Protein backbone atom coordinates (compact mmCIF):
# COMPACT_ATOMS: atom_id res chain seq x y z
CA MET A 1 68.95 110.09 96.81
CA LYS A 2 67.73 112.40 94.08
CA THR A 3 68.04 116.15 94.23
CA ILE A 4 64.41 116.97 95.01
CA ARG A 5 64.43 114.72 98.05
CA LEU A 6 67.31 116.61 99.68
CA ILE A 7 66.71 119.10 102.45
CA LEU A 8 68.87 122.19 102.41
CA LEU A 9 69.64 123.79 105.75
CA ILE A 10 70.82 126.97 104.03
CA PHE A 11 67.43 127.29 102.36
CA PHE A 12 65.63 127.72 105.65
CA GLY A 13 67.88 130.58 106.70
CA ALA A 14 67.30 132.51 103.49
CA THR A 15 63.56 132.27 102.90
CA PHE A 16 60.28 133.16 104.54
CA PHE A 17 60.99 131.93 108.09
CA SER A 18 62.51 134.85 109.98
CA GLY A 19 63.98 134.29 113.43
CA CYS A 20 65.29 131.12 115.02
CA PHE A 21 62.77 128.34 114.56
CA LEU A 22 63.12 124.82 115.88
CA LYS A 23 64.65 122.21 113.58
CA SER A 24 64.56 118.44 114.04
CA VAL A 25 66.21 115.43 112.43
CA HIS A 26 63.08 113.32 112.94
CA PRO A 27 59.48 114.19 112.02
CA LEU A 28 56.80 115.14 114.51
CA VAL A 29 54.21 113.33 112.43
CA SER A 30 54.42 109.67 111.43
CA GLU A 31 52.28 107.93 108.82
CA GLU A 32 50.15 106.43 111.59
CA ASN A 33 49.19 109.74 113.23
CA ALA A 34 48.99 112.02 110.18
CA ILE A 35 45.58 113.59 109.67
CA LEU A 36 43.90 115.84 107.13
CA ILE A 37 42.48 119.09 108.49
CA ASP A 38 39.09 120.25 107.30
CA ASN A 39 39.24 123.23 104.93
CA LEU A 40 43.05 123.42 104.84
CA GLU A 41 43.40 122.51 101.15
CA GLY A 42 43.57 125.52 98.87
CA ILE A 43 45.35 128.83 98.44
CA TRP A 44 46.14 131.06 101.42
CA GLU A 45 47.95 134.38 101.22
CA SER A 46 48.92 137.62 102.89
CA GLU A 47 50.49 140.74 101.42
CA ASP A 48 53.94 139.15 101.20
CA GLN A 49 53.45 135.38 100.87
CA ARG A 50 51.21 132.70 99.37
CA TRP A 51 50.80 129.09 100.53
CA THR A 52 48.98 126.46 98.47
CA PHE A 53 48.03 123.23 100.28
CA ILE A 54 47.35 120.20 98.06
CA ASN A 55 46.34 116.80 99.35
CA ASP A 56 45.09 115.44 96.04
CA PHE A 57 48.14 116.44 94.02
CA THR A 58 46.67 114.87 90.85
CA LYS A 59 44.98 118.28 90.52
CA PHE A 60 48.42 119.71 89.77
CA PRO A 61 49.65 117.64 86.78
CA LYS A 62 53.22 118.94 86.52
CA VAL A 63 53.92 118.17 90.15
CA MET A 64 52.10 114.83 89.92
CA MET A 65 54.28 113.60 87.06
CA ALA A 66 57.50 114.62 88.79
CA MET A 67 56.47 113.00 92.06
CA ASP A 68 55.39 109.79 90.35
CA ALA A 69 58.79 109.53 88.70
CA GLU A 70 60.57 110.12 92.00
CA LEU A 71 58.48 107.75 94.10
CA GLU A 72 58.07 104.77 91.78
CA ASP A 73 61.02 102.92 93.30
CA GLU A 74 60.66 104.12 96.90
CA GLU A 75 59.10 102.27 99.81
CA GLU A 76 57.75 105.53 101.24
CA ASP A 77 55.19 106.02 98.47
CA ASN A 78 52.19 105.70 100.80
CA GLU A 79 53.49 108.41 103.12
CA LEU A 80 51.81 111.03 100.95
CA GLU A 81 48.26 109.70 101.36
CA ASN A 82 47.55 111.77 104.49
CA ALA A 83 50.01 114.56 103.82
CA TYR A 84 50.03 117.86 101.96
CA PHE A 85 52.11 119.02 99.06
CA ILE A 86 52.72 122.72 99.79
CA LEU A 87 53.79 125.44 97.38
CA PHE A 88 55.25 128.55 98.98
CA GLU A 89 55.71 131.87 97.14
CA ASN A 90 57.43 134.97 98.46
CA LEU A 91 55.29 137.73 96.94
CA GLU A 92 57.85 140.39 97.82
CA ASP A 93 60.09 139.12 95.02
CA ILE A 94 59.67 140.79 91.62
CA ASP A 95 59.70 137.38 89.96
CA PRO A 96 58.66 135.05 92.82
CA ASP A 97 59.97 131.51 92.74
CA THR A 98 58.00 128.63 94.25
CA ALA A 99 59.47 126.50 97.01
CA LEU A 100 57.92 123.06 97.41
CA PHE A 101 57.31 121.36 100.75
CA ILE A 102 55.84 118.16 102.09
CA GLY A 103 53.65 118.84 105.13
CA ALA A 104 51.97 116.47 107.53
CA ALA A 105 49.45 117.52 110.18
CA THR A 106 48.58 116.00 113.54
CA GLU A 107 46.60 116.85 116.67
CA LEU A 108 48.31 117.07 120.07
CA ASN A 109 46.71 118.21 123.30
CA GLY A 110 43.79 119.84 121.50
CA ALA A 111 45.89 121.77 118.97
CA TYR A 112 46.83 121.15 115.33
CA PHE A 113 50.47 121.01 114.31
CA LEU A 114 52.15 121.04 110.89
CA ASP A 115 55.46 119.30 110.18
CA LEU A 116 57.31 120.69 107.15
CA TYR A 117 60.33 119.68 105.12
CA VAL A 118 61.57 120.89 101.76
CA PHE A 119 60.73 118.81 98.70
CA ALA A 120 62.39 121.13 96.16
CA ARG A 121 63.66 124.68 96.02
CA SER A 122 61.70 125.62 92.90
CA ILE A 123 59.15 124.37 90.39
CA ASP A 124 61.92 123.87 87.82
CA GLN A 125 63.91 121.70 90.21
CA ILE A 126 61.27 118.96 90.31
CA GLU A 127 62.25 118.11 86.72
CA GLU A 128 65.87 117.40 87.66
CA SER A 129 66.79 113.75 87.89
CA GLU A 130 70.45 113.58 88.84
CA SER A 131 71.90 114.32 92.26
CA THR A 132 75.39 115.66 92.70
CA PHE A 133 78.25 115.01 95.10
CA VAL A 134 77.53 118.33 96.86
CA ASP A 135 73.77 117.69 97.05
CA ASN A 136 74.30 114.47 98.94
CA HIS A 137 76.04 116.33 101.77
CA PHE A 138 73.08 118.49 102.71
CA PHE A 139 70.96 117.49 105.67
CA LYS A 140 67.27 116.74 106.05
CA VAL A 141 65.43 118.70 108.75
CA HIS A 142 61.84 119.16 109.87
CA THR A 143 60.22 122.28 111.31
CA PHE A 144 57.04 122.40 113.40
CA SER A 145 54.30 124.98 113.73
CA LYS A 146 50.94 125.24 115.44
CA ILE A 147 48.14 126.08 113.03
CA SER A 148 44.47 127.02 113.33
CA ILE A 149 41.71 128.00 110.91
CA ASN A 150 39.05 130.53 111.92
CA ASP A 151 36.71 132.49 109.65
CA SER A 152 38.74 131.83 106.48
CA LYS A 153 41.97 132.84 108.25
CA LEU A 154 44.93 130.48 108.68
CA SER A 155 47.20 131.23 111.64
CA ILE A 156 50.71 129.74 111.68
CA GLU A 157 52.95 129.87 114.77
CA LEU A 158 56.44 128.43 114.38
CA PHE A 159 57.93 126.55 117.32
CA ALA A 160 60.75 128.74 118.64
CA SER A 161 64.26 127.35 118.96
CA SER A 162 64.99 129.83 121.76
CA PHE A 163 62.25 128.32 123.94
CA ILE A 164 63.65 124.80 123.96
CA SER A 165 67.25 126.10 124.18
CA GLU A 166 66.37 127.95 127.40
CA LEU A 167 64.71 124.85 128.85
CA ILE A 168 67.78 122.78 128.04
CA SER A 169 70.18 125.38 129.50
CA ALA A 170 68.14 125.52 132.71
CA ASN A 171 68.10 121.71 132.95
CA ARG A 172 64.31 121.78 132.94
CA ILE A 173 64.07 119.15 130.21
CA ARG A 174 66.18 116.36 128.81
CA ILE A 175 65.79 115.85 125.09
CA ASN A 176 68.37 114.61 122.58
CA HIS A 177 69.85 117.52 120.66
CA GLU A 178 72.93 119.09 119.10
CA LYS A 179 74.02 122.71 119.32
CA THR A 180 74.46 124.44 115.95
CA ASP A 181 75.60 127.91 114.87
CA ASP A 182 71.99 129.09 114.53
CA GLY A 183 70.36 127.35 117.48
CA THR A 184 69.42 123.84 118.55
CA LEU A 185 68.99 120.82 116.29
CA ILE A 186 66.71 118.25 117.93
CA THR A 187 67.73 114.61 117.44
CA ALA A 188 65.02 113.03 119.61
CA SER A 189 62.74 110.34 118.19
CA THR A 190 59.27 111.07 116.86
CA LYS A 191 57.78 109.55 120.04
CA GLU A 192 59.83 111.88 122.25
CA LEU A 193 58.99 114.87 120.06
CA ARG A 194 55.27 114.23 120.29
CA LYS A 195 55.47 113.99 124.07
CA PHE A 196 57.41 117.26 124.28
CA VAL A 197 55.20 119.21 121.86
CA SER A 198 52.04 117.90 123.53
CA LYS A 199 53.31 119.14 126.91
CA TYR A 200 53.94 122.66 125.59
CA ALA A 201 51.14 122.77 123.00
CA ASN A 202 49.39 125.69 124.71
CA GLU A 203 52.46 127.50 126.08
CA GLU A 204 52.51 130.95 124.43
CA ASP A 205 56.24 131.44 124.92
CA ALA A 206 56.96 128.28 122.92
CA TYR A 207 56.11 129.95 119.62
CA GLU A 208 57.26 132.74 117.36
CA ASN A 209 54.70 135.49 116.68
CA ALA A 210 51.87 134.12 114.58
CA PHE A 211 51.38 135.22 110.99
CA GLU A 212 47.99 135.08 109.34
CA LEU A 213 46.90 134.12 105.82
CA SER A 214 43.51 134.61 104.15
CA TYR A 215 41.77 131.94 102.08
CA ARG A 216 41.79 132.68 98.32
CA GLY A 217 40.07 129.61 96.88
CA TYR A 218 41.41 126.56 95.09
CA ASN A 219 42.13 127.39 91.47
CA LEU A 220 45.51 125.79 90.77
CA GLU A 221 45.48 126.88 87.15
CA ASP A 222 46.09 130.52 88.07
């Protein structure tokens, strides 16, 4: 597997997600239940971060060329049709780098959810073509968040690892998982995940505090 397809656990602990957020081996969103959310495409930002959601990534030529090269021999090419290519920038950095994610959205129990995994750690990394021995020992994980759009504001609430850990410890749920140094790694299937998230879709305690982004348009040349 090439470098830009690897998911780095250490990356999640060092970037914009503060606190213990839920991580899963399997995705919440499959190709069959992925949807596109009205008005999500574009640039969203706050004082300290910027997210750019792209469904039609042909509008971003550099990324398009790199992705075409990576996906030409892969069976998963069509997975991107109802997914988002997401650029994340930490605006607190003097010279902010851009982390690249693949995101897929779905609706469960009346709420929208976003499944994220890292595509590359930086814009420059998408041009790399050779994986290394070390790279191939990193692990692919997914994170989930509940999202909503109201009056040009995007709210993102990360699913909290502490919530499911407490349920497991109290024997209130049974879900396949592994304990890790920084929380709980869920190993349940996508079907099990969807059932679990649907059940707790509107449970306030299931989420980290929401952060809010404002819509800034859709000029990818800036």
